[in-house]
Amino acid sequence: MKTMQIQLTETALSKVQSFIDEHGGSAESGLRVAVLPGGCSGFQYGLNIEDAPEEEDEIFDLSQGIRVFVDPFSAQYLEGIEIDYVTTMMGSGFTFSNPASTGGCGCGSSFTV
C-alpha cells in the first residue's frame, strides 16, 4: 500500500517523458527520485531514468504513463514533494519543493531536514 505522495508538474512530466524516450525506455522504465548524502546542505536530490524498479522500491504510476521509483531510504525525505522543470535566463533544470526541507542553499538541489 502506497502512502507517500509525490507530484510532478505537467512541465516536469513532459520533460521526463522525453528523457525516457531518448533512453529507449520500455513500459517498465521510469524516473528514479532519490535522496543522497552530500551537497552543501547535507542531502541532495538525484534523478535518473532506469529500465526497471529495484525490488524494495515504492512505485508510483503518474499521469502520461510515467512511473516513479523511490527507494525506502529516500521515501522518508520525499513525502509531499513537488518536482517541476523550469527554464530561465540562467538555464533549465528540475526544481524541488519539499515540505520536509528545513533549509537549503542557492543551488536548489541541496537541502537539510
C-alpha atoms as a PDB file:
ATOM      1  CA  MET A   1       0.000   0.000   0.000  1.00  0.00           C
ATOM      2  CA  LYS A   2       1.449   3.354  -1.072  1.00  0.00           C
ATOM      3  CA  THR A   3       1.014   6.098   1.473  1.00  0.00           C
ATOM      4  CA  MET A   4       3.626   8.570   0.232  1.00  0.00           C
ATOM      5  CA  GLN A   5       2.598  11.482  -2.012  1.00  0.00           C
ATOM      6  CA  ILE A   6       4.897  12.651  -4.800  1.00  0.00           C
ATOM      7  CA  GLN A   7       3.945  15.064  -7.604  1.00  0.00           C
ATOM      8  CA  LEU A   8       5.458  16.185 -10.872  1.00  0.00           C
ATOM      9  CA  THR A   9       4.106  19.227 -12.662  1.00  0.00           C
ATOM     10  CA  GLU A  10       2.898  18.853 -16.266  1.00  0.00           C
ATOM     11  CA  THR A  11       6.123  20.505 -17.462  1.00  0.00           C
ATOM     12  CA  ALA A  12       8.262  18.060 -15.454  1.00  0.00           C
ATOM     13  CA  LEU A  13       6.196  15.090 -16.682  1.00  0.00           C
ATOM     14  CA  SER A  14       6.730  16.151 -20.297  1.00  0.00           C
ATOM     15  CA  LYS A  15      10.476  16.538 -19.779  1.00  0.00           C
ATOM     16  CA  VAL A  16      10.751  13.163 -18.033  1.00  0.00           C
ATOM     17  CA  GLN A  17       8.812  11.525 -20.877  1.00  0.00           C
ATOM     18  CA  SER A  18      11.226  12.984 -23.418  1.00  0.00           C
ATOM     19  CA  PHE A  19      14.191  11.663 -21.385  1.00  0.00           C
ATOM     20  CA  ILE A  20      12.580   8.202 -21.199  1.00  0.00           C
ATOM     21  CA  ASP A  21      12.002   8.266 -24.962  1.00  0.00           C
ATOM     22  CA  GLU A  22      15.642   9.296 -25.592  1.00  0.00           C
ATOM     23  CA  HIS A  23      16.771   6.489 -23.269  1.00  0.00           C
ATOM     24  CA  GLY A  24      14.811   3.978 -25.343  1.00  0.00           C
ATOM     25  CA  GLY A  25      12.519   3.244 -22.428  1.00  0.00           C
ATOM     26  CA  SER A  26      10.027   0.411 -22.209  1.00  0.00           C
ATOM     27  CA  ALA A  27       6.799   0.007 -20.238  1.00  0.00           C
ATOM     28  CA  GLU A  28       8.947  -0.925 -17.205  1.00  0.00           C
ATOM     29  CA  SER A  29      11.116   2.219 -17.405  1.00  0.00           C
ATOM     30  CA  GLY A  30      10.702   5.104 -15.023  1.00  0.00           C
ATOM     31  CA  LEU A  31      12.205   8.018 -13.154  1.00  0.00           C
ATOM     32  CA  ARG A  32      14.191   7.261 -10.006  1.00  0.00           C
ATOM     33  CA  VAL A  33      13.848  10.045  -7.444  1.00  0.00           C
ATOM     34  CA  ALA A  34      16.457   9.675  -4.714  1.00  0.00           C
ATOM     35  CA  VAL A  35      17.876  11.494  -1.733  1.00  0.00           C
ATOM     36  CA  LEU A  36      21.626  11.130  -1.420  1.00  0.00           C
ATOM     37  CA  PRO A  37      24.035  12.206   1.322  1.00  0.00           C
ATOM     38  CA  GLY A  38      26.079  15.171   0.158  1.00  0.00           C
ATOM     39  CA  GLY A  39      25.690  18.620  -1.247  1.00  0.00           C
ATOM     40  CA  CYS A  40      26.411  21.781   0.668  1.00  0.00           C
ATOM     41  CA  SER A  41      23.402  21.354   2.986  1.00  0.00           C
ATOM     42  CA  GLY A  42      23.686  17.659   3.895  1.00  0.00           C
ATOM     43  CA  PHE A  43      21.426  15.955   1.334  1.00  0.00           C
ATOM     44  CA  GLN A  44      20.947  16.286  -2.394  1.00  0.00           C
ATOM     45  CA  TYR A  45      18.362  15.078  -4.865  1.00  0.00           C
ATOM     46  CA  GLY A  46      19.130  12.557  -7.542  1.00  0.00           C
ATOM     47  CA  LEU A  47      17.098  11.920 -10.689  1.00  0.00           C
ATOM     48  CA  ASN A  48      17.819   9.127 -13.127  1.00  0.00           C
ATOM     49  CA  ILE A  49      15.985   7.231 -15.863  1.00  0.00           C
ATOM     50  CA  GLU A  50      16.060   3.500 -15.102  1.00  0.00           C
ATOM     51  CA  ASP A  51      14.946   0.447 -17.049  1.00  0.00           C
ATOM     52  CA  ALA A  52      13.043  -1.102 -14.118  1.00  0.00           C
ATOM     53  CA  PRO A  53      12.463  -0.643 -10.386  1.00  0.00           C
ATOM     54  CA  GLU A  54      14.540  -2.323  -7.688  1.00  0.00           C
ATOM     55  CA  GLU A  55      12.884  -4.958  -5.502  1.00  0.00           C
ATOM     56  CA  GLU A  56      12.210  -2.722  -2.461  1.00  0.00           C
ATOM     57  CA  ASP A  57      11.189   0.429  -4.386  1.00  0.00           C
ATOM     58  CA  GLU A  58       7.869   2.152  -3.991  1.00  0.00           C
ATOM     59  CA  ILE A  59       6.420   2.559  -7.481  1.00  0.00           C
ATOM     60  CA  PHE A  60       4.133   5.448  -8.392  1.00  0.00           C
ATOM     61  CA  ASP A  61       2.202   5.473 -11.664  1.00  0.00           C
ATOM     62  CA  LEU A  62       1.704   9.108 -12.621  1.00  0.00           C
ATOM     63  CA  SER A  63      -0.205  10.669 -15.478  1.00  0.00           C
ATOM     64  CA  GLN A  64       1.098  10.268 -19.025  1.00  0.00           C
ATOM     65  CA  GLY A  65       2.075   6.688 -18.076  1.00  0.00           C
ATOM     66  CA  ILE A  66       5.203   7.785 -16.231  1.00  0.00           C
ATOM     67  CA  ARG A  67       6.441   5.602 -13.397  1.00  0.00           C
ATOM     68  CA  VAL A  68       8.442   6.946 -10.444  1.00  0.00           C
ATOM     69  CA  PHE A  69      10.724   4.700  -8.365  1.00  0.00           C
ATOM     70  CA  VAL A  70      11.650   5.640  -4.778  1.00  0.00           C
ATOM     71  CA  ASP A  71      13.889   3.562  -2.518  1.00  0.00           C
ATOM     72  CA  PRO A  72      12.992   3.131   1.188  1.00  0.00           C
ATOM     73  CA  PHE A  73      15.761   5.480   2.435  1.00  0.00           C
ATOM     74  CA  SER A  74      14.707   8.299   0.123  1.00  0.00           C
ATOM     75  CA  ALA A  75      10.976   7.865   0.776  1.00  0.00           C
ATOM     76  CA  GLN A  76      11.281   9.247   4.311  1.00  0.00           C
ATOM     77  CA  TYR A  77      12.526  12.590   2.906  1.00  0.00           C
ATOM     78  CA  LEU A  78      10.235  12.908  -0.115  1.00  0.00           C
ATOM     79  CA  GLU A  79       6.727  12.932   1.362  1.00  0.00           C
ATOM     80  CA  GLY A  80       4.683  15.636  -0.347  1.00  0.00           C
ATOM     81  CA  ILE A  81       7.458  16.775  -2.703  1.00  0.00           C
ATOM     82  CA  GLU A  82       6.600  18.571  -5.925  1.00  0.00           C
ATOM     83  CA  ILE A  83       9.076  18.398  -8.793  1.00  0.00           C
ATOM     84  CA  ASP A  84       8.950  20.976 -11.563  1.00  0.00           C
ATOM     85  CA  TYR A  85      11.054  21.736 -14.631  1.00  0.00           C
ATOM     86  CA  VAL A  86      11.812  25.397 -15.188  1.00  0.00           C
ATOM     87  CA  THR A  87      13.578  27.403 -17.859  1.00  0.00           C
ATOM     88  CA  THR A  88      15.071  30.784 -17.005  1.00  0.00           C
ATOM     89  CA  MET A  89      17.688  33.083 -18.491  1.00  0.00           C
ATOM     90  CA  MET A  90      20.247  31.285 -16.314  1.00  0.00           C
ATOM     91  CA  GLY A  91      19.397  27.830 -17.641  1.00  0.00           C
ATOM     92  CA  SER A  92      16.966  24.960 -17.343  1.00  0.00           C
ATOM     93  CA  GLY A  93      16.501  22.217 -14.812  1.00  0.00           C
ATOM     94  CA  PHE A  94      14.383  20.409 -12.286  1.00  0.00           C
ATOM     95  CA  THR A  95      13.344  22.207  -9.102  1.00  0.00           C
ATOM     96  CA  PHE A  96      12.113  20.658  -5.875  1.00  0.00           C
ATOM     97  CA  SER A  97       9.506  21.978  -3.466  1.00  0.00           C
ATOM     98  CA  ASN A  98       9.889  19.765  -0.410  1.00  0.00           C
ATOM     99  CA  PRO A  99       7.796  20.368   2.726  1.00  0.00           C
ATOM    100  CA  ALA A 100      10.247  18.200   4.746  1.00  0.00           C
ATOM    101  CA  SER A 101      13.146  20.543   3.983  1.00  0.00           C
ATOM    102  CA  THR A 102      14.132  22.941   6.758  1.00  0.00           C
ATOM    103  CA  GLY A 103      16.804  24.718   4.750  1.00  0.00           C
ATOM    104  CA  GLY A 104      18.870  24.645   1.636  1.00  0.00           C
ATOM    105  CA  CYS A 105      21.400  26.507  -0.426  1.00  0.00           C
ATOM    106  CA  GLY A 106      21.451  28.544  -3.589  1.00  0.00           C
ATOM    107  CA  CYS A 107      21.941  25.590  -5.908  1.00  0.00           C
ATOM    108  CA  GLY A 108      18.371  24.386  -5.278  1.00  0.00           C
ATOM    109  CA  SER A 109      19.283  20.699  -5.236  1.00  0.00           C
ATOM    110  CA  SER A 110      20.792  20.509  -1.740  1.00  0.00           C
ATOM    111  CA  PHE A 111      18.722  20.611   1.437  1.00  0.00           C
ATOM    112  CA  THR A 112      18.568  19.947   5.181  1.00  0.00           C
ATOM    113  CA  VAL A 113      15.849  18.232   7.211  1.00  0.00           C
END
